[in-house]
Amino acid sequence: MVDIRKEIKGTISVITEDRVAVEITLLNEVSLGVLYFERPKQGWVNKPIMPTKWRCTDAKVEGVYQWGGEKITPTELIKWAQELVEENLKEYGEKDSKENNPND
């Protein structure tokens, strides 16, 4: 049996210097979803968010329900993608695109 957590990959695409998309695929061919991350904006000052951190602002993860079943949840995917983004995009626009598997 395949451990789904070892078979997911994320591809980061920079939309703007403050916004990125992470497409998550399973076994390099089945899309589990796309998550969008943004850096906090100036108008977010009333919220307790560090301005250097990326935050998930939108997620379309329908593929998780079809392919992930009970083996992985949308919450786990968001956490995984959050770590991927923060690990690979420490500076604005540091990398234009990056494919990563945390188990490599």
PDB file of N, CA and C in Angstrom:
ATOM      1  N   MET A   1       0.838  -1.182   0.000  1.00  0.00           N
ATOM      2  CA  MET A   1       0.000   0.000   0.000  1.00  0.00           C
ATOM      3  C   MET A   1       0.888   1.252   0.000  1.00  0.00           C
ATOM      4  N   VAL A   2       0.507   2.255  -0.761  1.00  0.00           N
ATOM      5  CA  VAL A   2       1.261   3.490  -0.925  1.00  0.00           C
ATOM      6  C   VAL A   2       0.989   4.431   0.248  1.00  0.00           C
ATOM      7  N   ASP A   3       2.043   4.987   0.834  1.00  0.00           N
ATOM      8  CA  ASP A   3       1.888   6.020   1.856  1.00  0.00           C
ATOM      9  C   ASP A   3       1.733   7.341   1.131  1.00  0.00           C
ATOM     10  N   ILE A   4       0.530   7.871   1.127  1.00  0.00           N
ATOM     11  CA  ILE A   4       0.204   9.064   0.337  1.00  0.00           C
ATOM     12  C   ILE A   4       1.074  10.259   0.717  1.00  0.00           C
ATOM     13  N   ARG A   5       1.459  10.371   1.964  1.00  0.00           N
ATOM     14  CA  ARG A   5       2.268  11.509   2.398  1.00  0.00           C
ATOM     15  C   ARG A   5       3.657  11.519   1.745  1.00  0.00           C
ATOM     16  N   LYS A   6       4.151  10.361   1.365  1.00  0.00           N
ATOM     17  CA  LYS A   6       5.456  10.281   0.714  1.00  0.00           C
ATOM     18  C   LYS A   6       5.348  10.496  -0.791  1.00  0.00           C
ATOM     19  N   GLU A   7       4.147  10.502  -1.313  1.00  0.00           N
ATOM     20  CA  GLU A   7       3.952  10.598  -2.759  1.00  0.00           C
ATOM     21  C   GLU A   7       3.422  11.950  -3.220  1.00  0.00           C
ATOM     22  N   ILE A   8       3.283  12.927  -2.312  1.00  0.00           N
ATOM     23  CA  ILE A   8       2.802  14.234  -2.753  1.00  0.00           C
ATOM     24  C   ILE A   8       3.978  15.146  -3.066  1.00  0.00           C
ATOM     25  N   LYS A   9       3.758  16.009  -4.043  1.00  0.00           N
ATOM     26  CA  LYS A   9       4.763  16.997  -4.447  1.00  0.00           C
ATOM     27  C   LYS A   9       4.063  18.338  -4.580  1.00  0.00           C
ATOM     28  N   GLY A  10       4.821  19.387  -4.331  1.00  0.00           N
ATOM     29  CA  GLY A  10       4.276  20.727  -4.468  1.00  0.00           C
ATOM     30  C   GLY A  10       5.095  21.552  -5.428  1.00  0.00           C
ATOM     31  N   THR A  11       4.427  22.295  -6.289  1.00  0.00           N
ATOM     32  CA  THR A  11       5.080  23.208  -7.210  1.00  0.00           C
ATOM     33  C   THR A  11       4.630  24.618  -6.873  1.00  0.00           C
ATOM     34  N   ILE A  12       5.591  25.471  -6.529  1.00  0.00           N
ATOM     35  CA  ILE A  12       5.297  26.848  -6.156  1.00  0.00           C
ATOM     36  C   ILE A  12       5.414  27.732  -7.387  1.00  0.00           C
ATOM     37  N   SER A  13       4.391  28.538  -7.635  1.00  0.00           N
ATOM     38  CA  SER A  13       4.414  29.519  -8.718  1.00  0.00           C
ATOM     39  C   SER A  13       4.202  30.894  -8.116  1.00  0.00           C
ATOM     40  N   VAL A  14       5.116  31.814  -8.395  1.00  0.00           N
ATOM     41  CA  VAL A  14       4.998  33.174  -7.888  1.00  0.00           C
ATOM     42  C   VAL A  14       4.021  33.934  -8.782  1.00  0.00           C
ATOM     43  N   ILE A  15       2.959  34.462  -8.188  1.00  0.00           N
ATOM     44  CA  ILE A  15       1.968  35.256  -8.924  1.00  0.00           C
ATOM     45  C   ILE A  15       2.405  36.717  -8.892  1.00  0.00           C
ATOM     46  N   THR A  16       2.656  37.232  -7.700  1.00  0.00           N
ATOM     47  CA  THR A  16       3.244  38.554  -7.485  1.00  0.00           C
ATOM     48  C   THR A  16       4.246  38.383  -6.350  1.00  0.00           C
ATOM     49  N   GLU A  17       4.954  39.440  -5.986  1.00  0.00           N
ATOM     50  CA  GLU A  17       5.927  39.302  -4.904  1.00  0.00           C
ATOM     51  C   GLU A  17       5.271  39.011  -3.564  1.00  0.00           C
ATOM     52  N   ASP A  18       3.968  39.270  -3.458  1.00  0.00           N
ATOM     53  CA  ASP A  18       3.252  39.024  -2.210  1.00  0.00           C
ATOM     54  C   ASP A  18       2.264  37.866  -2.297  1.00  0.00           C
ATOM     55  N   ARG A  19       2.202  37.188  -3.434  1.00  0.00           N
ATOM     56  CA  ARG A  19       1.212  36.119  -3.601  1.00  0.00           C
ATOM     57  C   ARG A  19       1.811  34.978  -4.403  1.00  0.00           C
ATOM     58  N   VAL A  20       1.597  33.744  -3.905  1.00  0.00           N
ATOM     59  CA  VAL A  20       2.070  32.553  -4.603  1.00  0.00           C
ATOM     60  C   VAL A  20       0.974  31.496  -4.621  1.00  0.00           C
ATOM     61  N   ALA A  21       1.114  30.562  -5.544  1.00  0.00           N
ATOM     62  CA  ALA A  21       0.198  29.422  -5.624  1.00  0.00           C
ATOM     63  C   ALA A  21       1.029  28.149  -5.466  1.00  0.00           C
ATOM     64  N   VAL A  22       0.475  27.181  -4.786  1.00  0.00           N
ATOM     65  CA  VAL A  22       1.133  25.889  -4.626  1.00  0.00           C
ATOM     66  C   VAL A  22       0.190  24.827  -5.192  1.00  0.00           C
ATOM     67  N   GLU A  23       0.633  24.191  -6.291  1.00  0.00           N
ATOM     68  CA  GLU A  23      -0.155  23.089  -6.842  1.00  0.00           C
ATOM     69  C   GLU A  23       0.384  21.801  -6.234  1.00  0.00           C
ATOM     70  N   ILE A  24      -0.516  21.017  -5.676  1.00  0.00           N
ATOM     71  CA  ILE A  24      -0.117  19.773  -5.025  1.00  0.00           C
ATOM     72  C   ILE A  24      -0.599  18.603  -5.872  1.00  0.00           C
ATOM     73  N   THR A  25       0.360  17.727  -6.203  1.00  0.00           N
ATOM     74  CA  THR A  25       0.030  16.564  -7.017  1.00  0.00           C
ATOM     75  C   THR A  25       0.391  15.277  -6.277  1.00  0.00           C
ATOM     76  N   LEU A  26      -0.277  14.227  -6.655  1.00  0.00           N
ATOM     77  CA  LEU A  26      -0.049  12.895  -6.099  1.00  0.00           C
ATOM     78  C   LEU A  26       0.541  12.030  -7.198  1.00  0.00           C
ATOM     79  N   LEU A  27       1.643  11.372  -6.898  1.00  0.00           N
ATOM     80  CA  LEU A  27       2.314  10.488  -7.861  1.00  0.00           C
ATOM     81  C   LEU A  27       2.643  11.210  -9.165  1.00  0.00           C
ATOM     82  N   ASN A  28       2.920  12.513  -9.081  1.00  0.00           N
ATOM     83  CA  ASN A  28       3.295  13.349 -10.230  1.00  0.00           C
ATOM     84  C   ASN A  28       2.249  13.448 -11.324  1.00  0.00           C
ATOM     85  N   GLU A  29       1.020  13.016 -11.072  1.00  0.00           N
ATOM     86  CA  GLU A  29       0.043  13.105 -12.146  1.00  0.00           C
ATOM     87  C   GLU A  29      -1.357  13.485 -11.710  1.00  0.00           C
ATOM     88  N   VAL A  30      -1.759  13.203 -10.499  1.00  0.00           N
ATOM     89  CA  VAL A  30      -3.106  13.498 -10.046  1.00  0.00           C
ATOM     90  C   VAL A  30      -3.082  14.772  -9.202  1.00  0.00           C
ATOM     91  N   SER A  31      -3.836  15.779  -9.611  1.00  0.00           N
ATOM     92  CA  SER A  31      -3.873  17.039  -8.867  1.00  0.00           C
ATOM     93  C   SER A  31      -4.780  16.892  -7.640  1.00  0.00           C
ATOM     94  N   LEU A  32      -4.207  17.191  -6.478  1.00  0.00           N
ATOM     95  CA  LEU A  32      -4.994  17.188  -5.243  1.00  0.00           C
ATOM     96  C   LEU A  32      -5.591  18.559  -4.975  1.00  0.00           C
ATOM     97  N   GLY A  33      -4.962  19.603  -5.514  1.00  0.00           N
ATOM     98  CA  GLY A  33      -5.501  20.934  -5.332  1.00  0.00           C
ATOM     99  C   GLY A  33      -4.473  22.023  -5.507  1.00  0.00           C
ATOM    100  N   VAL A  34      -4.963  23.246  -5.368  1.00  0.00           N
ATOM    101  CA  VAL A  34      -4.121  24.438  -5.448  1.00  0.00           C
ATOM    102  C   VAL A  34      -4.405  25.278  -4.220  1.00  0.00           C
ATOM    103  N   LEU A  35      -3.339  25.735  -3.570  1.00  0.00           N
ATOM    104  CA  LEU A  35      -3.463  26.596  -2.402  1.00  0.00           C
ATOM    105  C   LEU A  35      -2.792  27.921  -2.722  1.00  0.00           C
ATOM    106  N   TYR A  36      -3.399  29.012  -2.273  1.00  0.00           N
ATOM    107  CA  TYR A  36      -2.870  30.346  -2.517  1.00  0.00           C
ATOM    108  C   TYR A  36      -2.398  30.946  -1.194  1.00  0.00           C
ATOM    109  N   PHE A  37      -1.192  31.514  -1.219  1.00  0.00           N
ATOM    110  CA  PHE A  37      -0.600  32.112  -0.035  1.00  0.00           C
ATOM    111  C   PHE A  37      -0.262  33.564  -0.314  1.00  0.00           C
ATOM    112  N   GLU A  38      -0.425  34.400   0.713  1.00  0.00           N
ATOM    113  CA  GLU A  38      -0.072  35.809   0.613  1.00  0.00           C
ATOM    114  C   GLU A  38       0.709  36.230   1.837  1.00  0.00           C
ATOM    115  N   ARG A  39       1.531  37.252   1.641  1.00  0.00           N
ATOM    116  CA  ARG A  39       2.169  37.900   2.788  1.00  0.00           C
ATOM    117  C   ARG A  39       1.143  38.870   3.354  1.00  0.00           C
ATOM    118  N   PRO A  40       1.149  39.079   4.654  1.00  0.00           N
ATOM    119  CA  PRO A  40       0.206  40.049   5.238  1.00  0.00           C
ATOM    120  C   PRO A  40       0.390  41.431   4.618  1.00  0.00           C
ATOM    121  N   LYS A  41      -0.729  42.094   4.380  1.00  0.00           N
ATOM    122  CA  LYS A  41      -0.698  43.423   3.785  1.00  0.00           C
ATOM    123  C   LYS A  41      -0.642  44.482   4.880  1.00  0.00           C
ATOM    124  N   GLN A  42      -0.346  45.710   4.482  1.00  0.00           N
ATOM    125  CA  GLN A  42      -0.302  46.820   5.436  1.00  0.00           C
ATOM    126  C   GLN A  42      -1.623  46.942   6.196  1.00  0.00           C
ATOM    127  N   GLY A  43      -2.735  46.680   5.546  1.00  0.00           N
ATOM    128  CA  GLY A  43      -4.051  46.795   6.177  1.00  0.00           C
ATOM    129  C   GLY A  43      -4.339  45.711   7.201  1.00  0.00           C
ATOM    130  N   TRP A  44      -3.480  44.733   7.305  1.00  0.00           N
ATOM    131  CA  TRP A  44      -3.689  43.637   8.245  1.00  0.00           C
ATOM    132  C   TRP A  44      -3.072  43.931   9.611  1.00  0.00           C
ATOM    133  N   VAL A  45      -2.716  45.170   9.897  1.00  0.00           N
ATOM    134  CA  VAL A  45      -1.980  45.505  11.119  1.00  0.00           C
ATOM    135  C   VAL A  45      -2.744  45.203  12.396  1.00  0.00           C
ATOM    136  N   ASN A  46      -4.045  45.120  12.361  1.00  0.00           N
ATOM    137  CA  ASN A  46      -4.828  44.856  13.568  1.00  0.00           C
ATOM    138  C   ASN A  46      -4.883  43.365  13.914  1.00  0.00           C
ATOM    139  N   LYS A  47      -4.354  42.550  13.055  1.00  0.00           N
ATOM    140  CA  LYS A  47      -4.375  41.115  13.304  1.00  0.00           C
ATOM    141  C   LYS A  47      -3.000  40.668  13.788  1.00  0.00           C
ATOM    142  N   PRO A  48      -2.943  39.690  14.674  1.00  0.00           N
ATOM    143  CA  PRO A  48      -1.646  39.244  15.202  1.00  0.00           C
ATOM    144  C   PRO A  48      -0.895  38.328  14.238  1.00  0.00           C
ATOM    145  N   ILE A  49      -0.471  38.888  13.100  1.00  0.00           N
ATOM    146  CA  ILE A  49       0.230  38.114  12.084  1.00  0.00           C
ATOM    147  C   ILE A  49       1.582  38.765  11.834  1.00  0.00           C
ATOM    148  N   MET A  50       2.622  37.967  11.835  1.00  0.00           N
ATOM    149  CA  MET A  50       3.947  38.513  11.535  1.00  0.00           C
ATOM    150  C   MET A  50       4.017  38.858  10.050  1.00  0.00           C
ATOM    151  N   PRO A  51       4.507  40.042   9.703  1.00  0.00           N
ATOM    152  CA  PRO A  51       4.536  40.458   8.301  1.00  0.00           C
ATOM    153  C   PRO A  51       5.502  39.670   7.431  1.00  0.00           C
ATOM    154  N   THR A  52       6.365  38.874   8.012  1.00  0.00           N
ATOM    155  CA  THR A  52       7.318  38.103   7.212  1.00  0.00           C
ATOM    156  C   THR A  52       6.807  36.705   6.895  1.00  0.00           C
ATOM    157  N   LYS A  53       5.687  36.320   7.428  1.00  0.00           N
ATOM    158  CA  LYS A  53       5.148  34.976   7.230  1.00  0.00           C
ATOM    159  C   LYS A  53       4.144  34.948   6.081  1.00  0.00           C
ATOM    160  N   TRP A  54       4.073  33.827   5.413  1.00  0.00           N
ATOM    161  CA  TRP A  54       3.080  33.595   4.361  1.00  0.00           C
ATOM    162  C   TRP A  54       1.858  32.949   5.003  1.00  0.00           C
ATOM    163  N   ARG A  55       0.666  33.314   4.546  1.00  0.00           N
ATOM    164  CA  ARG A  55      -0.565  32.742   5.070  1.00  0.00           C
ATOM    165  C   ARG A  55      -1.442  32.250   3.934  1.00  0.00           C
ATOM    166  N   CYS A  56      -2.092  31.110   4.149  1.00  0.00           N
ATOM    167  CA  CYS A  56      -3.008  30.552   3.149  1.00  0.00           C
ATOM    168  C   CYS A  56      -4.269  31.414   3.116  1.00  0.00           C
ATOM    169  N   THR A  57      -4.584  31.952   1.936  1.00  0.00           N
ATOM    170  CA  THR A  57      -5.758  32.812   1.809  1.00  0.00           C
ATOM    171  C   THR A  57      -6.874  32.157   1.012  1.00  0.00           C
ATOM    172  N   ASP A  58      -6.559  31.082   0.295  1.00  0.00           N
ATOM    173  CA  ASP A  58      -7.581  30.379  -0.486  1.00  0.00           C
ATOM    174  C   ASP A  58      -7.062  28.982  -0.790  1.00  0.00           C
ATOM    175  N   ALA A  59      -7.965  28.036  -0.871  1.00  0.00           N
ATOM    176  CA  ALA A  59      -7.568  26.658  -1.175  1.00  0.00           C
ATOM    177  C   ALA A  59      -8.675  25.960  -1.941  1.00  0.00           C
ATOM    178  N   LYS A  60      -8.280  25.269  -2.974  1.00  0.00           N
ATOM    179  CA  LYS A  60      -9.200  24.439  -3.748  1.00  0.00           C
ATOM    180  C   LYS A  60      -8.609  23.039  -3.748  1.00  0.00           C
ATOM    181  N   VAL A  61      -9.105  22.192  -2.864  1.00  0.00           N
ATOM    182  CA  VAL A  61      -8.492  20.880  -2.656  1.00  0.00           C
ATOM    183  C   VAL A  61      -9.494  19.738  -2.861  1.00  0.00           C
ATOM    184  N   GLU A  62     -10.312  19.857  -3.894  1.00  0.00           N
ATOM    185  CA  GLU A  62     -11.307  18.825  -4.165  1.00  0.00           C
ATOM    186  C   GLU A  62     -10.687  17.455  -4.413  1.00  0.00           C
ATOM    187  N   GLY A  63      -9.493  17.432  -4.987  1.00  0.00           N
ATOM    188  CA  GLY A  63      -8.815  16.174  -5.279  1.00  0.00           C
ATOM    189  C   GLY A  63      -8.491  15.362  -4.038  1.00  0.00           C
ATOM    190  N   VAL A  64      -8.369  16.032  -2.903  1.00  0.00           N
ATOM    191  CA  VAL A  64      -8.093  15.322  -1.650  1.00  0.00           C
ATOM    192  C   VAL A  64      -9.235  14.371  -1.320  1.00  0.00           C
ATOM    193  N   TYR A  65     -10.457  14.816  -1.546  1.00  0.00           N
ATOM    194  CA  TYR A  65     -11.613  13.991  -1.216  1.00  0.00           C
ATOM    195  C   TYR A  65     -11.719  12.789  -2.149  1.00  0.00           C
ATOM    196  N   GLN A  66     -11.324  12.976  -3.406  1.00  0.00           N
ATOM    197  CA  GLN A  66     -11.401  11.894  -4.376  1.00  0.00           C
ATOM    198  C   GLN A  66     -10.237  10.923  -4.246  1.00  0.00           C
ATOM    199  N   TRP A  67      -9.020  11.442  -4.043  1.00  0.00           N
ATOM    200  CA  TRP A  67      -7.835  10.595  -4.068  1.00  0.00           C
ATOM    201  C   TRP A  67      -7.202  10.349  -2.707  1.00  0.00           C
ATOM    202  N   GLY A  68      -7.384  11.277  -1.785  1.00  0.00           N
ATOM    203  CA  GLY A  68      -6.731  11.155  -0.483  1.00  0.00           C
ATOM    204  C   GLY A  68      -7.490  10.316   0.510  1.00  0.00           C
ATOM    205  N   GLY A  69      -8.809  10.321   0.374  1.00  0.00           N
ATOM    206  CA  GLY A  69      -9.631   9.563   1.303  1.00  0.00           C
ATOM    207  C   GLY A  69      -9.365   9.971   2.737  1.00  0.00           C
ATOM    208  N   GLU A  70      -9.219   9.003   3.598  1.00  0.00           N
ATOM    209  CA  GLU A  70      -8.947   9.278   5.004  1.00  0.00           C
ATOM    210  C   GLU A  70      -7.449   9.318   5.294  1.00  0.00           C
ATOM    211  N   LYS A  71      -6.635   9.127   4.262  1.00  0.00           N
ATOM    212  CA  LYS A  71      -5.189   9.059   4.462  1.00  0.00           C
ATOM    213  C   LYS A  71      -4.542  10.419   4.629  1.00  0.00           C
ATOM    214  N   ILE A  72      -5.179  11.454   4.114  1.00  0.00           N
ATOM    215  CA  ILE A  72      -4.659  12.821   4.269  1.00  0.00           C
ATOM    216  C   ILE A  72      -5.840  13.783   4.264  1.00  0.00           C
ATOM    217  N   THR A  73      -5.769  14.785   5.112  1.00  0.00           N
ATOM    218  CA  THR A  73      -6.872  15.745   5.240  1.00  0.00           C
ATOM    219  C   THR A  73      -6.475  17.085   4.624  1.00  0.00           C
ATOM    220  N   PRO A  74      -7.467  17.924   4.300  1.00  0.00           N
ATOM    221  CA  PRO A  74      -7.145  19.257   3.798  1.00  0.00           C
ATOM    222  C   PRO A  74      -6.281  20.052   4.790  1.00  0.00           C
ATOM    223  N   THR A  75      -6.528  19.893   6.063  1.00  0.00           N
ATOM    224  CA  THR A  75      -5.728  20.585   7.077  1.00  0.00           C
ATOM    225  C   THR A  75      -4.268  20.165   7.009  1.00  0.00           C
ATOM    226  N   GLU A  76      -4.010  18.886   6.826  1.00  0.00           N
ATOM    227  CA  GLU A  76      -2.632  18.401   6.700  1.00  0.00           C
ATOM    228  C   GLU A  76      -1.965  18.965   5.442  1.00  0.00           C
ATOM    229  N   LEU A  77      -2.720  19.044   4.348  1.00  0.00           N
ATOM    230  CA  LEU A  77      -2.174  19.601   3.108  1.00  0.00           C
ATOM    231  C   LEU A  77      -1.820  21.069   3.270  1.00  0.00           C
ATOM    232  N   ILE A  78      -2.673  21.821   3.934  1.00  0.00           N
ATOM    233  CA  ILE A  78      -2.405  23.243   4.142  1.00  0.00           C
ATOM    234  C   ILE A  78      -1.150  23.413   4.993  1.00  0.00           C
ATOM    235  N   LYS A  79      -1.028  22.631   6.047  1.00  0.00           N
ATOM    236  CA  LYS A  79       0.164  22.714   6.903  1.00  0.00           C
ATOM    237  C   LYS A  79       1.421  22.362   6.103  1.00  0.00           C
ATOM    238  N   TRP A  80       1.348  21.305   5.313  1.00  0.00           N
ATOM    239  CA  TRP A  80       2.484  20.867   4.502  1.00  0.00           C
ATOM    240  C   TRP A  80       2.879  21.961   3.510  1.00  0.00           C
ATOM    241  N   ALA A  81       1.879  22.547   2.829  1.00  0.00           N
ATOM    242  CA  ALA A  81       2.148  23.598   1.846  1.00  0.00           C
ATOM    243  C   ALA A  81       2.694  24.860   2.521  1.00  0.00           C
ATOM    244  N   GLN A  82       2.198  25.179   3.708  1.00  0.00           N
ATOM    245  CA  GLN A  82       2.686  26.338   4.459  1.00  0.00           C
ATOM    246  C   GLN A  82       4.182  26.190   4.735  1.00  0.00           C
ATOM    247  N   GLU A  83       4.582  25.014   5.179  1.00  0.00           N
ATOM    248  CA  GLU A  83       5.996  24.753   5.451  1.00  0.00           C
ATOM    249  C   GLU A  83       6.826  24.834   4.168  1.00  0.00           C
ATOM    250  N   LEU A  84       6.287  24.303   3.081  1.00  0.00           N
ATOM    251  CA  LEU A  84       6.975  24.336   1.793  1.00  0.00           C
ATOM    252  C   LEU A  84       7.221  25.778   1.348  1.00  0.00           C
ATOM    253  N   VAL A  85       6.209  26.617   1.448  1.00  0.00           N
ATOM    254  CA  VAL A  85       6.329  28.013   1.030  1.00  0.00           C
ATOM    255  C   VAL A  85       7.333  28.754   1.907  1.00  0.00           C
ATOM    256  N   GLU A  86       7.203  28.619   3.203  1.00  0.00           N
ATOM    257  CA  GLU A  86       8.104  29.343   4.105  1.00  0.00           C
ATOM    258  C   GLU A  86       9.551  28.880   3.956  1.00  0.00           C
ATOM    259  N   GLU A  87       9.731  27.619   3.682  1.00  0.00           N
ATOM    260  CA  GLU A  87      11.072  27.056   3.515  1.00  0.00           C
ATOM    261  C   GLU A  87      11.733  27.532   2.208  1.00  0.00           C
ATOM    262  N   ASN A  88      10.946  27.699   1.167  1.00  0.00           N
ATOM    263  CA  ASN A  88      11.490  28.004  -0.149  1.00  0.00           C
ATOM    264  C   ASN A  88      11.405  29.459  -0.573  1.00  0.00           C
ATOM    265  N   LEU A  89      10.612  30.257   0.108  1.00  0.00           N
ATOM    266  CA  LEU A  89      10.455  31.663  -0.282  1.00  0.00           C
ATOM    267  C   LEU A  89      10.706  32.569   0.913  1.00  0.00           C
ATOM    268  N   LYS A  90      11.922  32.608   1.353  1.00  0.00           N
ATOM    269  CA  LYS A  90      12.264  33.434   2.511  1.00  0.00           C
ATOM    270  C   LYS A  90      12.287  34.921   2.153  1.00  0.00           C
ATOM    271  N   GLU A  91      12.603  35.243   0.921  1.00  0.00           N
ATOM    272  CA  GLU A  91      12.638  36.628   0.456  1.00  0.00           C
ATOM    273  C   GLU A  91      11.569  36.807  -0.619  1.00  0.00           C
ATOM    274  N   TYR A  92      11.111  38.029  -0.812  1.00  0.00           N
ATOM    275  CA  TYR A  92      10.136  38.306  -1.870  1.00  0.00           C
ATOM    276  C   TYR A  92      10.694  37.862  -3.205  1.00  0.00           C
ATOM    277  N   GLY A  93       9.951  37.001  -3.897  1.00  0.00           N
ATOM    278  CA  GLY A  93      10.349  36.576  -5.224  1.00  0.00           C
ATOM    279  C   GLY A  93      11.682  35.872  -5.278  1.00  0.00           C
ATOM    280  N   GLU A  94      12.090  35.255  -4.176  1.00  0.00           N
ATOM    281  CA  GLU A  94      13.398  34.608  -4.132  1.00  0.00           C
ATOM    282  C   GLU A  94      13.534  33.534  -5.199  1.00  0.00           C
ATOM    283  N   LYS A  95      12.458  32.795  -5.427  1.00  0.00           N
ATOM    284  CA  LYS A  95      12.481  31.750  -6.436  1.00  0.00           C
ATOM    285  C   LYS A  95      11.203  31.865  -7.252  1.00  0.00           C
ATOM    286  N   ASP A  96      11.308  31.779  -8.568  1.00  0.00           N
ATOM    287  CA  ASP A  96      10.139  31.891  -9.400  1.00  0.00           C
ATOM    288  C   ASP A  96       9.277  30.656  -9.374  1.00  0.00           C
ATOM    289  N   SER A  97       9.895  29.503  -9.314  1.00  0.00           N
ATOM    290  CA  SER A  97       9.124  28.287  -9.175  1.00  0.00           C
ATOM    291  C   SER A  97      10.024  27.219  -8.589  1.00  0.00           C
ATOM    292  N   LYS A  98       9.406  26.341  -7.812  1.00  0.00           N
ATOM    293  CA  LYS A  98      10.196  25.327  -7.111  1.00  0.00           C
ATOM    294  C   LYS A  98       9.315  24.095  -6.938  1.00  0.00           C
ATOM    295  N   GLU A  99       9.850  22.952  -7.308  1.00  0.00           N
ATOM    296  CA  GLU A  99       9.138  21.704  -7.073  1.00  0.00           C
ATOM    297  C   GLU A  99       9.827  21.029  -5.910  1.00  0.00           C
ATOM    298  N   ASN A 100       9.021  20.487  -5.009  1.00  0.00           N
ATOM    299  CA  ASN A 100       9.621  19.917  -3.808  1.00  0.00           C
ATOM    300  C   ASN A 100       8.839  18.722  -3.308  1.00  0.00           C
ATOM    301  N   ASN A 101       9.555  17.779  -2.809  1.00  0.00           N
ATOM    302  CA  ASN A 101       8.985  16.652  -2.086  1.00  0.00           C
ATOM    303  C   ASN A 101       9.728  16.611  -0.767  1.00  0.00           C
ATOM    304  N   PRO A 102       9.044  16.837   0.358  1.00  0.00           N
ATOM    305  CA  PRO A 102       9.741  16.915   1.630  1.00  0.00           C
ATOM    306  C   PRO A 102      10.408  15.622   2.045  1.00  0.00           C
ATOM    307  N   ASN A 103      10.135  14.562   1.318  1.00  0.00           N
ATOM    308  CA  ASN A 103      10.703  13.268   1.674  1.00  0.00           C
ATOM    309  C   ASN A 103      11.933  12.923   0.849  1.00  0.00           C
ATOM    310  N   ASP A 104      12.369  13.854  -0.022  1.00  0.00           N
ATOM    311  CA  ASP A 104      13.579  13.609  -0.836  1.00  0.00           C
ATOM    312  C   ASP A 104      14.804  13.674   0.041  1.00  0.00           C
TER     313      ASP A 104
END
